[in-house]
PDB file of N, CA and C in Angstrom:
ATOM      1  N   MET A   1       4.814 122.623 319.984  1.00  0.00           N
ATOM      2  CA  MET A   1       4.123 121.528 320.373  1.00  0.00           C
ATOM      3  C   MET A   1       2.718 121.271 320.718  1.00  0.00           C
ATOM      4  N   ASP A   2       2.240 120.294 320.955  1.00  0.00           N
ATOM      5  CA  ASP A   2       0.622 119.858 321.433  1.00  0.00           C
ATOM      6  C   ASP A   2       1.387 119.762 323.146  1.00  0.00           C
ATOM      7  N   ASP A   3       0.378 119.791 323.866  1.00  0.00           N
ATOM      8  CA  ASP A   3       0.010 119.783 325.195  1.00  0.00           C
ATOM      9  C   ASP A   3      -0.224 117.894 325.689  1.00  0.00           C
ATOM     10  N   GLU A   4      -1.265 118.180 324.817  1.00  0.00           N
ATOM     11  CA  GLU A   4      -2.161 116.452 324.956  1.00  0.00           C
ATOM     12  C   GLU A   4      -1.360 115.353 324.742  1.00  0.00           C
ATOM     13  N   LYS A   5      -0.006 115.397 323.654  1.00  0.00           N
ATOM     14  CA  LYS A   5       1.164 114.215 323.302  1.00  0.00           C
ATOM     15  C   LYS A   5       2.184 114.584 324.624  1.00  0.00           C
ATOM     16  N   PRO A   6       2.487 113.391 324.769  1.00  0.00           N
ATOM     17  CA  PRO A   6       4.061 113.243 325.709  1.00  0.00           C
ATOM     18  C   PRO A   6       4.654 113.348 324.717  1.00  0.00           C
ATOM     19  N   VAL A   7       6.275 113.852 325.063  1.00  0.00           N
ATOM     20  CA  VAL A   7       6.921 114.493 324.978  1.00  0.00           C
ATOM     21  C   VAL A   7       7.639 113.314 323.970  1.00  0.00           C
ATOM     22  N   LEU A   8       8.075 112.166 324.059  1.00  0.00           N
ATOM     23  CA  LEU A   8       8.591 111.439 323.343  1.00  0.00           C
ATOM     24  C   LEU A   8       7.901 110.717 322.442  1.00  0.00           C
ATOM     25  N   GLU A   9       6.420 110.697 322.331  1.00  0.00           N
ATOM     26  CA  GLU A   9       6.158 110.682 321.491  1.00  0.00           C
ATOM     27  C   GLU A   9       6.084 111.505 320.399  1.00  0.00           C
ATOM     28  N   GLN A  10       6.317 113.028 320.886  1.00  0.00           N
ATOM     29  CA  GLN A  10       6.398 113.933 319.625  1.00  0.00           C
ATOM     30  C   GLN A  10       7.574 113.925 318.887  1.00  0.00           C
ATOM     31  N   THR A  11       8.743 113.851 320.253  1.00  0.00           N
ATOM     32  CA  THR A  11       9.839 113.463 319.021  1.00  0.00           C
ATOM     33  C   THR A  11      10.450 112.599 318.240  1.00  0.00           C
ATOM     34  N   THR A  12       9.702 111.408 318.763  1.00  0.00           N
ATOM     35  CA  THR A  12       9.797 109.888 317.533  1.00  0.00           C
ATOM     36  C   THR A  12       9.273 110.564 316.597  1.00  0.00           C
ATOM     37  N   ASP A  13       7.966 111.457 316.746  1.00  0.00           N
ATOM     38  CA  ASP A  13       6.470 111.912 315.426  1.00  0.00           C
ATOM     39  C   ASP A  13       7.498 112.383 314.830  1.00  0.00           C
ATOM     40  N   ALA A  14       8.883 113.334 315.088  1.00  0.00           N
ATOM     41  CA  ALA A  14       9.776 114.696 313.997  1.00  0.00           C
ATOM     42  C   ALA A  14      10.602 113.648 314.101  1.00  0.00           C
ATOM     43  N   MET A  15      10.971 112.827 314.203  1.00  0.00           N
ATOM     44  CA  MET A  15      11.703 112.187 313.534  1.00  0.00           C
ATOM     45  C   MET A  15      11.960 111.366 312.645  1.00  0.00           C
ATOM     46  N   SER A  16      10.520 110.752 312.402  1.00  0.00           N
ATOM     47  CA  SER A  16      10.129 110.088 311.863  1.00  0.00           C
ATOM     48  C   SER A  16       9.510 110.341 310.593  1.00  0.00           C
ATOM     49  N   SER A  17       9.207 111.509 310.847  1.00  0.00           N
ATOM     50  CA  SER A  17       8.770 112.506 309.462  1.00  0.00           C
ATOM     51  C   SER A  17      10.003 112.585 308.763  1.00  0.00           C
ATOM     52  N   ALA A  18      11.233 113.443 309.463  1.00  0.00           N
ATOM     53  CA  ALA A  18      12.648 113.783 308.829  1.00  0.00           C
ATOM     54  C   ALA A  18      13.150 113.002 308.376  1.00  0.00           C
ATOM     55  N   ALA A  19      12.788 111.611 308.715  1.00  0.00           N
ATOM     56  CA  ALA A  19      13.675 110.394 307.971  1.00  0.00           C
ATOM     57  C   ALA A  19      12.567 109.810 306.692  1.00  0.00           C
ATOM     58  N   GLU A  20      11.789 110.455 306.818  1.00  0.00           N
ATOM     59  CA  GLU A  20      11.080 110.182 305.494  1.00  0.00           C
ATOM     60  C   GLU A  20      11.316 110.904 304.367  1.00  0.00           C
ATOM     61  N   ALA A  21      11.028 112.619 304.886  1.00  0.00           N
ATOM     62  CA  ALA A  21      11.324 113.516 303.923  1.00  0.00           C
ATOM     63  C   ALA A  21      12.827 113.603 303.551  1.00  0.00           C
ATOM     64  N   THR A  22      14.070 113.019 304.171  1.00  0.00           N
ATOM     65  CA  THR A  22      15.599 112.772 303.587  1.00  0.00           C
ATOM     66  C   THR A  22      15.200 111.746 303.108  1.00  0.00           C
ATOM     67  N   LYS A  23      14.704 110.410 302.995  1.00  0.00           N
ATOM     68  CA  LYS A  23      14.832 108.998 302.026  1.00  0.00           C
ATOM     69  C   LYS A  23      13.910 109.747 300.331  1.00  0.00           C
ATOM     70  N   GLU A  24      12.735 110.588 300.867  1.00  0.00           N
ATOM     71  CA  GLU A  24      12.333 111.070 298.939  1.00  0.00           C
ATOM     72  C   GLU A  24      13.079 112.025 298.870  1.00  0.00           C
ATOM     73  N   ALA A  25      14.089 112.913 299.491  1.00  0.00           N
ATOM     74  CA  ALA A  25      15.107 113.811 298.733  1.00  0.00           C
ATOM     75  C   ALA A  25      16.380 113.032 297.882  1.00  0.00           C
ATOM     76  N   ALA A  26      16.321 111.613 298.864  1.00  0.00           N
ATOM     77  CA  ALA A  26      17.465 111.105 297.923  1.00  0.00           C
ATOM     78  C   ALA A  26      17.324 110.200 296.621  1.00  0.00           C
ATOM     79  N   LYS A  27      15.660 110.079 296.784  1.00  0.00           N
ATOM     80  CA  LYS A  27      15.014 109.212 295.827  1.00  0.00           C
ATOM     81  C   LYS A  27      15.005 110.410 294.679  1.00  0.00           C
ATOM     82  N   THR A  28      14.978 111.351 294.726  1.00  0.00           N
ATOM     83  CA  THR A  28      14.617 112.562 293.984  1.00  0.00           C
ATOM     84  C   THR A  28      15.575 112.948 292.449  1.00  0.00           C
ATOM     85  N   ALA A  29      16.941 112.698 293.921  1.00  0.00           N
ATOM     86  CA  ALA A  29      18.377 112.766 293.347  1.00  0.00           C
ATOM     87  C   ALA A  29      19.061 112.463 293.153  1.00  0.00           C
ATOM     88  N   VAL A  30      18.645 111.067 293.141  1.00  0.00           N
ATOM     89  CA  VAL A  30      19.053 109.183 292.610  1.00  0.00           C
ATOM     90  C   VAL A  30      18.160 109.395 290.488  1.00  0.00           C
ATOM     91  N   LYS A  31      17.280 110.534 291.079  1.00  0.00           N
ATOM     92  CA  LYS A  31      16.405 110.170 289.282  1.00  0.00           C
ATOM     93  C   LYS A  31      16.745 110.875 288.620  1.00  0.00           C
ATOM     94  N   LYS A  32      17.377 112.054 288.986  1.00  0.00           N
ATOM     95  CA  LYS A  32      18.203 113.466 288.220  1.00  0.00           C
ATOM     96  C   LYS A  32      19.010 112.902 287.920  1.00  0.00           C
ATOM     97  N   VAL A  33      19.542 111.865 288.658  1.00  0.00           N
ATOM     98  CA  VAL A  33      21.597 111.356 288.725  1.00  0.00           C
ATOM     99  C   VAL A  33      21.184 110.409 287.654  1.00  0.00           C
ATOM    100  N   ARG A  34      20.341 109.968 287.048  1.00  0.00           N
ATOM    101  CA  ARG A  34      20.307 108.180 286.906  1.00  0.00           C
ATOM    102  C   ARG A  34      19.923 109.729 284.691  1.00  0.00           C
ATOM    103  N   LYS A  35      18.586 110.105 284.877  1.00  0.00           N
ATOM    104  CA  LYS A  35      18.663 110.537 283.827  1.00  0.00           C
ATOM    105  C   LYS A  35      19.816 111.557 283.257  1.00  0.00           C
ATOM    106  N   ALA A  36      20.206 111.671 283.733  1.00  0.00           N
ATOM    107  CA  ALA A  36      21.943 112.779 283.851  1.00  0.00           C
ATOM    108  C   ALA A  36      22.872 111.878 283.364  1.00  0.00           C
ATOM    109  N   ALA A  37      23.014 110.705 283.565  1.00  0.00           N
ATOM    110  CA  ALA A  37      24.041 109.447 283.261  1.00  0.00           C
ATOM    111  C   ALA A  37      23.206 109.055 281.230  1.00  0.00           C
ATOM    112  N   LYS A  38      22.607 109.037 281.690  1.00  0.00           N
ATOM    113  CA  LYS A  38      21.550 108.011 280.491  1.00  0.00           C
ATOM    114  C   LYS A  38      22.371 109.371 279.051  1.00  0.00           C
ATOM    115  N   ARG A  39      21.626 110.594 279.886  1.00  0.00           N
ATOM    116  CA  ARG A  39      21.832 111.923 278.336  1.00  0.00           C
ATOM    117  C   ARG A  39      22.844 111.862 277.796  1.00  0.00           C
ATOM    118  N   VAL A  40      24.160 111.148 279.221  1.00  0.00           N
ATOM    119  CA  VAL A  40      25.384 111.774 278.556  1.00  0.00           C
ATOM    120  C   VAL A  40      25.991 110.613 277.810  1.00  0.00           C
ATOM    121  N   ALA A  41      25.203 109.653 278.543  1.00  0.00           N
ATOM    122  CA  ALA A  41      26.081 108.006 277.952  1.00  0.00           C
ATOM    123  C   ALA A  41      25.335 107.715 276.585  1.00  0.00           C
ATOM    124  N   LYS A  42      24.487 108.389 276.044  1.00  0.00           N
ATOM    125  CA  LYS A  42      23.966 109.238 274.170  1.00  0.00           C
ATOM    126  C   LYS A  42      24.989 110.027 274.011  1.00  0.00           C
ATOM    127  N   LYS A  43      25.172 110.990 274.213  1.00  0.00           N
ATOM    128  CA  LYS A  43      26.163 111.981 273.655  1.00  0.00           C
ATOM    129  C   LYS A  43      28.282 110.927 273.306  1.00  0.00           C
ATOM    130  N   VAL A  44      27.867 110.508 274.726  1.00  0.00           N
ATOM    131  CA  VAL A  44      29.530 110.139 273.695  1.00  0.00           C
ATOM    132  C   VAL A  44      29.394 108.683 273.114  1.00  0.00           C
ATOM    133  N   THR A  45      28.272 107.946 273.357  1.00  0.00           N
ATOM    134  CA  THR A  45      28.322 106.758 272.566  1.00  0.00           C
ATOM    135  C   THR A  45      28.263 107.208 271.082  1.00  0.00           C
ATOM    136  N   PRO A  46      29.552 106.197 270.110  1.00  0.00           N
ATOM    137  CA  PRO A  46      29.843 106.802 269.384  1.00  0.00           C
ATOM    138  C   PRO A  46      28.553 106.514 268.000  1.00  0.00           C
ATOM    139  N   LYS A  47      28.675 106.948 266.888  1.00  0.00           N
ATOM    140  CA  LYS A  47      28.272 106.786 266.048  1.00  0.00           C
ATOM    141  C   LYS A  47      27.988 105.762 265.103  1.00  0.00           C
ATOM    142  N   LYS A  48      26.730 105.257 263.859  1.00  0.00           N
ATOM    143  CA  LYS A  48      26.454 103.664 263.577  1.00  0.00           C
ATOM    144  C   LYS A  48      28.088 103.911 262.154  1.00  0.00           C
ATOM    145  N   LYS A  49      28.716 104.897 262.106  1.00  0.00           N
ATOM    146  CA  LYS A  49      30.380 104.308 260.924  1.00  0.00           C
ATOM    147  C   LYS A  49      30.861 104.630 262.019  1.00  0.00           C
ATOM    148  N   ALA A  50      31.460 104.726 263.073  1.00  0.00           N
ATOM    149  CA  ALA A  50      32.418 103.692 263.915  1.00  0.00           C
ATOM    150  C   ALA A  50      31.754 102.604 264.652  1.00  0.00           C
ATOM    151  N   ALA A  51      30.431 102.420 264.379  1.00  0.00           N
ATOM    152  CA  ALA A  51      29.913 101.203 265.114  1.00  0.00           C
ATOM    153  C   ALA A  51      30.379 100.326 263.663  1.00  0.00           C
ATOM    154  N   LYS A  52      30.275 100.086 262.967  1.00  0.00           N
ATOM    155  CA  LYS A  52      31.086  99.348 261.519  1.00  0.00           C
ATOM    156  C   LYS A  52      32.799  99.159 261.245  1.00  0.00           C
ATOM    157  N   LYS A  53      33.331 100.457 261.628  1.00  0.00           N
ATOM    158  CA  LYS A  53      34.638 100.398 262.128  1.00  0.00           C
ATOM    159  C   LYS A  53      34.566  98.802 263.530  1.00  0.00           C
ATOM    160  N   SER A  54      34.405  99.134 263.961  1.00  0.00           N
ATOM    161  CA  SER A  54      34.285  97.901 265.417  1.00  0.00           C
ATOM    162  C   SER A  54      34.042  96.918 264.729  1.00  0.00           C
ATOM    163  N   LYS A  55      32.836  96.032 263.997  1.00  0.00           N
ATOM    164  CA  LYS A  55      32.505  95.033 263.320  1.00  0.00           C
ATOM    165  C   LYS A  55      33.930  94.342 262.662  1.00  0.00           C
ATOM    166  N   THR A  56      34.453  94.795 261.828  1.00  0.00           N
ATOM    167  CA  THR A  56      35.580  94.902 261.267  1.00  0.00           C
ATOM    168  C   THR A  56      37.230  94.888 262.166  1.00  0.00           C
ATOM    169  N   ALA A  57      36.938  95.586 262.846  1.00  0.00           N
ATOM    170  CA  ALA A  57      37.687  95.056 264.122  1.00  0.00           C
ATOM    171  C   ALA A  57      38.085  93.838 264.659  1.00  0.00           C
ATOM    172  N   LYS A  58      36.447  93.621 264.792  1.00  0.00           N
ATOM    173  CA  LYS A  58      36.168  91.915 265.977  1.00  0.00           C
ATOM    174  C   LYS A  58      36.248  90.882 264.871  1.00  0.00           C
ATOM    175  N   LYS A  59      36.633  91.269 263.131  1.00  0.00           N
ATOM    176  CA  LYS A  59      36.683  90.132 262.390  1.00  0.00           C
ATOM    177  C   LYS A  59      38.114  90.141 262.394  1.00  0.00           C
ATOM    178  N   ALA A  60      38.909  91.077 262.594  1.00  0.00           N
ATOM    179  CA  ALA A  60      40.718  90.991 262.463  1.00  0.00           C
ATOM    180  C   ALA A  60      40.687  90.081 263.582  1.00  0.00           C
ATOM    181  N   LYS A  61      40.201  90.779 265.470  1.00  0.00           N
ATOM    182  CA  LYS A  61      40.285  89.345 266.632  1.00  0.00           C
ATOM    183  C   LYS A  61      40.299  87.856 266.194  1.00  0.00           C
ATOM    184  N   LYS A  62      39.376  87.867 265.500  1.00  0.00           N
ATOM    185  CA  LYS A  62      38.841  86.351 265.060  1.00  0.00           C
ATOM    186  C   LYS A  62      39.985  85.798 264.249  1.00  0.00           C
ATOM    187  N   ALA A  63      40.483  86.468 263.246  1.00  0.00           N
ATOM    188  CA  ALA A  63      41.628  86.054 262.344  1.00  0.00           C
ATOM    189  C   ALA A  63      42.504  85.628 263.210  1.00  0.00           C
ATOM    190  N   GLY A  64      43.488  86.599 263.902  1.00  0.00           N
ATOM    191  CA  GLY A  64      43.920  86.985 264.896  1.00  0.00           C
ATOM    192  C   GLY A  64      44.167  85.130 265.960  1.00  0.00           C
ATOM    193  N   LYS A  65      43.089  85.347 266.423  1.00  0.00           N
ATOM    194  CA  LYS A  65      42.397  83.301 267.414  1.00  0.00           C
ATOM    195  C   LYS A  65      42.915  82.193 266.123  1.00  0.00           C
ATOM    196  N   LYS A  66      42.496  82.510 265.094  1.00  0.00           N
ATOM    197  CA  LYS A  66      42.131  81.282 264.422  1.00  0.00           C
ATOM    198  C   LYS A  66      44.100  81.197 264.457  1.00  0.00           C
ATOM    199  N   SER A  67      44.795  81.826 263.693  1.00  0.00           N
ATOM    200  CA  SER A  67      46.410  81.949 263.398  1.00  0.00           C
ATOM    201  C   SER A  67      46.864  82.144 265.007  1.00  0.00           C
ATOM    202  N   SER A  68      46.602  82.184 266.076  1.00  0.00           N
ATOM    203  CA  SER A  68      47.402  82.055 267.472  1.00  0.00           C
ATOM    204  C   SER A  68      46.590  80.180 267.514  1.00  0.00           C
ATOM    205  N   ALA A  69      46.136  79.865 267.138  1.00  0.00           N
ATOM    206  CA  ALA A  69      45.164  78.589 267.644  1.00  0.00           C
ATOM    207  C   ALA A  69      46.368  77.742 266.498  1.00  0.00           C
ATOM    208  N   LYS A  70      46.340  77.643 265.113  1.00  0.00           N
ATOM    209  CA  LYS A  70      47.516  76.924 264.685  1.00  0.00           C
ATOM    210  C   LYS A  70      48.880  77.814 264.623  1.00  0.00           C
ATOM    211  N   LYS A  71      49.399  78.480 265.608  1.00  0.00           N
ATOM    212  CA  LYS A  71      51.041  78.189 266.019  1.00  0.00           C
ATOM    213  C   LYS A  71      50.722  77.779 267.640  1.00  0.00           C
ATOM    214  N   SER A  72      49.824  77.589 268.212  1.00  0.00           N
ATOM    215  CA  SER A  72      50.010  76.936 269.610  1.00  0.00           C
ATOM    216  C   SER A  72      49.944  75.393 268.341  1.00  0.00           C
ATOM    217  N   ALA A  73      48.913  75.220 267.983  1.00  0.00           N
ATOM    218  CA  ALA A  73      49.493  73.678 266.844  1.00  0.00           C
ATOM    219  C   ALA A  73      50.843  73.765 266.705  1.00  0.00           C
ATOM    220  N   LYS A  74      51.523  74.265 266.334  1.00  0.00           N
ATOM    221  CA  LYS A  74      52.662  73.589 266.017  1.00  0.00           C
ATOM    222  C   LYS A  74      53.968  73.893 266.772  1.00  0.00           C
ATOM    223  N   LYS A  75      53.366  74.996 267.941  1.00  0.00           N
ATOM    224  CA  LYS A  75      54.932  74.987 268.956  1.00  0.00           C
ATOM    225  C   LYS A  75      54.328  73.644 270.148  1.00  0.00           C
ATOM    226  N   SER A  76      53.335  73.566 269.784  1.00  0.00           N
ATOM    227  CA  SER A  76      52.869  71.982 270.588  1.00  0.00           C
ATOM    228  C   SER A  76      53.463  70.354 270.329  1.00  0.00           C
ATOM    229  N   ALA A  77      53.481  70.376 268.604  1.00  0.00           N
ATOM    230  CA  ALA A  77      54.127  69.278 267.530  1.00  0.00           C
ATOM    231  C   ALA A  77      55.638  69.642 268.154  1.00  0.00           C
ATOM    232  N   LYS A  78      56.172  70.595 267.687  1.00  0.00           N
ATOM    233  CA  LYS A  78      57.849  71.028 268.428  1.00  0.00           C
ATOM    234  C   LYS A  78      58.196  70.322 269.258  1.00  0.00           C
ATOM    235  N   LYS A  79      57.357  70.673 270.346  1.00  0.00           N
ATOM    236  CA  LYS A  79      57.642  70.377 271.852  1.00  0.00           C
ATOM    237  C   LYS A  79      57.756  68.942 271.984  1.00  0.00           C
ATOM    238  N   ALA A  80      57.046  68.308 270.765  1.00  0.00           N
ATOM    239  CA  ALA A  80      56.362  66.728 271.811  1.00  0.00           C
ATOM    240  C   ALA A  80      58.145  66.122 271.028  1.00  0.00           C
ATOM    241  N   VAL A  81      57.975  66.919 269.815  1.00  0.00           N
ATOM    242  CA  VAL A  81      59.695  66.188 269.404  1.00  0.00           C
ATOM    243  C   VAL A  81      60.930  66.623 269.866  1.00  0.00           C
ATOM    244  N   LYS A  82      61.203  67.953 270.862  1.00  0.00           N
ATOM    245  CA  LYS A  82      62.414  67.908 271.593  1.00  0.00           C
ATOM    246  C   LYS A  82      61.791  67.225 272.744  1.00  0.00           C
ATOM    247  N   LYS A  83      60.379  66.995 273.511  1.00  0.00           N
ATOM    248  CA  LYS A  83      60.639  65.688 274.616  1.00  0.00           C
ATOM    249  C   LYS A  83      60.956  64.812 274.008  1.00  0.00           C
ATOM    250  N   THR A  84      60.379  63.697 273.035  1.00  0.00           N
ATOM    251  CA  THR A  84      60.764  62.822 272.432  1.00  0.00           C
ATOM    252  C   THR A  84      62.356  62.608 272.689  1.00  0.00           C
ATOM    253  N   ALA A  85      63.626  63.467 272.050  1.00  0.00           N
ATOM    254  CA  ALA A  85      64.770  63.849 271.769  1.00  0.00           C
ATOM    255  C   ALA A  85      65.393  63.207 273.447  1.00  0.00           C
ATOM    256  N   LYS A  86      64.751  63.689 274.162  1.00  0.00           N
ATOM    257  CA  LYS A  86      65.335  64.307 275.419  1.00  0.00           C
ATOM    258  C   LYS A  86      65.123  63.096 276.205  1.00  0.00           C
ATOM    259  N   LYS A  87      63.925  62.302 276.068  1.00  0.00           N
ATOM    260  CA  LYS A  87      64.440  60.660 276.455  1.00  0.00           C
ATOM    261  C   LYS A  87      65.078  60.254 276.221  1.00  0.00           C
ATOM    262  N   LYS A  88      65.017  59.972 274.595  1.00  0.00           N
ATOM    263  CA  LYS A  88      66.110  59.033 273.881  1.00  0.00           C
ATOM    264  C   LYS A  88      67.293  59.340 275.074  1.00  0.00           C
ATOM    265  N   LYS A  89      67.984  60.587 274.580  1.00  0.00           N
ATOM    266  CA  LYS A  89      69.374  60.883 275.455  1.00  0.00           C
ATOM    267  C   LYS A  89      69.018  60.159 277.125  1.00  0.00           C
ATOM    268  N   LYS A  90      68.192  60.152 277.846  1.00  0.00           N
ATOM    269  CA  LYS A  90      68.080  59.580 278.870  1.00  0.00           C
ATOM    270  C   LYS A  90      68.358  58.281 279.282  1.00  0.00           C
ATOM    271  N   ALA A  91      67.523  57.974 277.998  1.00  0.00           N
ATOM    272  CA  ALA A  91      67.935  56.162 278.338  1.00  0.00           C
ATOM    273  C   ALA A  91      68.796  55.658 277.557  1.00  0.00           C
ATOM    274  N   LYS A  92      69.572  56.181 276.429  1.00  0.00           N
ATOM    275  CA  LYS A  92      70.952  55.875 276.585  1.00  0.00           C
ATOM    276  C   LYS A  92      71.821  56.208 277.796  1.00  0.00           C
ATOM    277  N   LYS A  93      71.530  57.052 278.239  1.00  0.00           N
ATOM    278  CA  LYS A  93      72.049  57.174 279.763  1.00  0.00           C
ATOM    279  C   LYS A  93      72.307  56.367 280.851  1.00  0.00           C
ATOM    280  N   SER A  94      71.643  56.811 280.680  1.00  0.00           N
ATOM    281  CA  SER A  94      71.085  55.288 282.321  1.00  0.00           C
ATOM    282  C   SER A  94      70.858  53.698 282.009  1.00  0.00           C
ATOM    283  N   LYS A  95      71.357  53.320 280.131  1.00  0.00           N
ATOM    284  CA  LYS A  95      71.823  51.940 279.924  1.00  0.00           C
ATOM    285  C   LYS A  95      73.385  51.927 280.304  1.00  0.00           C
ATOM    286  N   ARG A  96      74.125  52.928 280.029  1.00  0.00           N
ATOM    287  CA  ARG A  96      75.508  53.647 280.462  1.00  0.00           C
ATOM    288  C   ARG A  96      76.267  52.781 281.663  1.00  0.00           C
TER     289      ARG A  96
END
Protein backbone atom coordinates (compact mmCIF):
# COMPACT_ATOMS: atom_id res chain seq x y z
CA MET A 1 0.00 0.00 0.00
CA ASP A 2 1.05 3.56 -0.59
CA ASP A 3 1.98 5.55 2.47
CA GLU A 4 1.18 8.82 0.72
CA LYS A 5 -2.56 8.10 0.24
CA PRO A 6 -4.90 7.90 3.21
CA VAL A 7 -6.20 4.44 4.13
CA LEU A 8 -9.80 5.37 3.36
CA GLU A 9 -8.92 6.48 -0.16
CA GLN A 10 -6.92 3.31 -0.78
CA THR A 11 -9.81 1.09 0.30
CA THR A 12 -12.33 2.99 -1.83
CA ASP A 13 -10.05 2.66 -4.85
CA ALA A 14 -9.70 -1.07 -4.22
CA MET A 15 -13.45 -1.48 -3.86
CA SER A 16 -14.23 0.45 -7.01
CA SER A 17 -11.68 -1.49 -9.05
CA ALA A 18 -13.16 -4.77 -7.76
CA ALA A 19 -16.64 -3.59 -8.70
CA GLU A 20 -15.47 -2.72 -12.20
CA ALA A 21 -13.83 -6.11 -12.60
CA THR A 22 -16.98 -7.96 -11.58
CA LYS A 23 -19.05 -5.77 -13.87
CA GLU A 24 -16.85 -6.62 -16.85
CA ALA A 25 -16.90 -10.31 -15.96
CA ALA A 26 -20.68 -10.25 -15.82
CA LYS A 27 -20.89 -8.57 -19.23
CA THR A 28 -18.66 -11.17 -20.85
CA ALA A 29 -20.62 -13.98 -19.23
CA VAL A 30 -23.88 -12.56 -20.57
CA LYS A 31 -22.44 -12.30 -24.06
CA LYS A 32 -21.30 -15.92 -23.97
CA VAL A 33 -24.70 -17.09 -22.76
CA ARG A 34 -26.46 -15.17 -25.53
CA LYS A 35 -24.24 -16.72 -28.19
CA ALA A 36 -24.86 -20.19 -26.81
CA ALA A 37 -28.61 -19.55 -26.75
CA LYS A 38 -28.56 -18.47 -30.39
CA ARG A 39 -26.72 -21.65 -31.36
CA VAL A 40 -29.24 -23.79 -29.53
CA ALA A 41 -32.13 -21.90 -31.11
CA LYS A 42 -30.73 -22.56 -34.57
CA LYS A 43 -30.47 -26.28 -33.85
CA VAL A 44 -33.92 -26.50 -32.33
CA THR A 45 -35.83 -24.53 -34.98
CA PRO A 46 -37.68 -26.76 -37.48
CA LYS A 47 -36.57 -27.21 -41.07
CA LYS A 48 -38.40 -25.82 -44.12
CA LYS A 49 -40.55 -28.95 -44.51
CA ALA A 50 -41.96 -28.45 -41.03
CA ALA A 51 -42.66 -24.82 -41.89
CA LYS A 52 -44.83 -25.96 -44.80
CA LYS A 53 -46.79 -28.19 -42.44
CA SER A 54 -47.41 -25.25 -40.14
CA LYS A 55 -48.88 -23.27 -43.05
CA THR A 56 -51.44 -26.00 -43.67
CA ALA A 57 -52.17 -26.09 -39.97
CA LYS A 58 -52.81 -22.36 -40.04
CA LYS A 59 -55.26 -22.81 -42.93
CA ALA A 60 -57.07 -25.51 -40.99
CA LYS A 61 -57.30 -23.22 -37.98
CA LYS A 62 -58.76 -20.45 -40.13
CA ALA A 63 -61.33 -22.86 -41.56
CA GLY A 64 -62.19 -23.90 -38.02
CA LYS A 65 -62.68 -20.30 -37.03
CA LYS A 66 -65.05 -19.70 -39.95
CA SER A 67 -67.15 -22.72 -39.08
CA SER A 68 -67.27 -21.69 -35.43
CA ALA A 69 -68.52 -18.29 -36.53
CA LYS A 70 -71.27 -19.98 -38.51
CA LYS A 71 -72.12 -22.17 -35.54
CA SER A 72 -72.35 -19.21 -33.21
CA ALA A 73 -74.68 -17.45 -35.64
CA LYS A 74 -76.92 -20.50 -35.74
CA LYS A 75 -76.89 -20.80 -31.96
CA SER A 76 -77.79 -17.15 -31.49
CA ALA A 77 -80.72 -17.55 -33.90
CA LYS A 78 -81.98 -20.56 -31.94
CA LYS A 79 -81.59 -18.71 -28.66
CA ALA A 80 -83.56 -15.78 -30.01
CA VAL A 81 -86.44 -18.09 -30.95
CA LYS A 82 -86.43 -19.64 -27.48
CA LYS A 83 -86.39 -16.23 -25.81
CA THR A 84 -89.38 -15.03 -27.78
CA ALA A 85 -91.28 -18.20 -26.85
CA LYS A 86 -90.51 -17.63 -23.17
CA LYS A 87 -91.66 -14.02 -23.41
CA LYS A 88 -94.95 -15.10 -24.96
CA LYS A 89 -95.52 -17.64 -22.16
CA LYS A 90 -94.82 -14.99 -19.51
CA ALA A 91 -97.19 -12.57 -21.23
CA LYS A 92 -99.99 -15.18 -21.19
CA LYS A 93 -99.39 -15.90 -17.49
CA SER A 94 -99.44 -12.23 -16.61
CA LYS A 95 -102.82 -11.79 -18.35
CA ARG A 96 -104.37 -14.47 -16.12
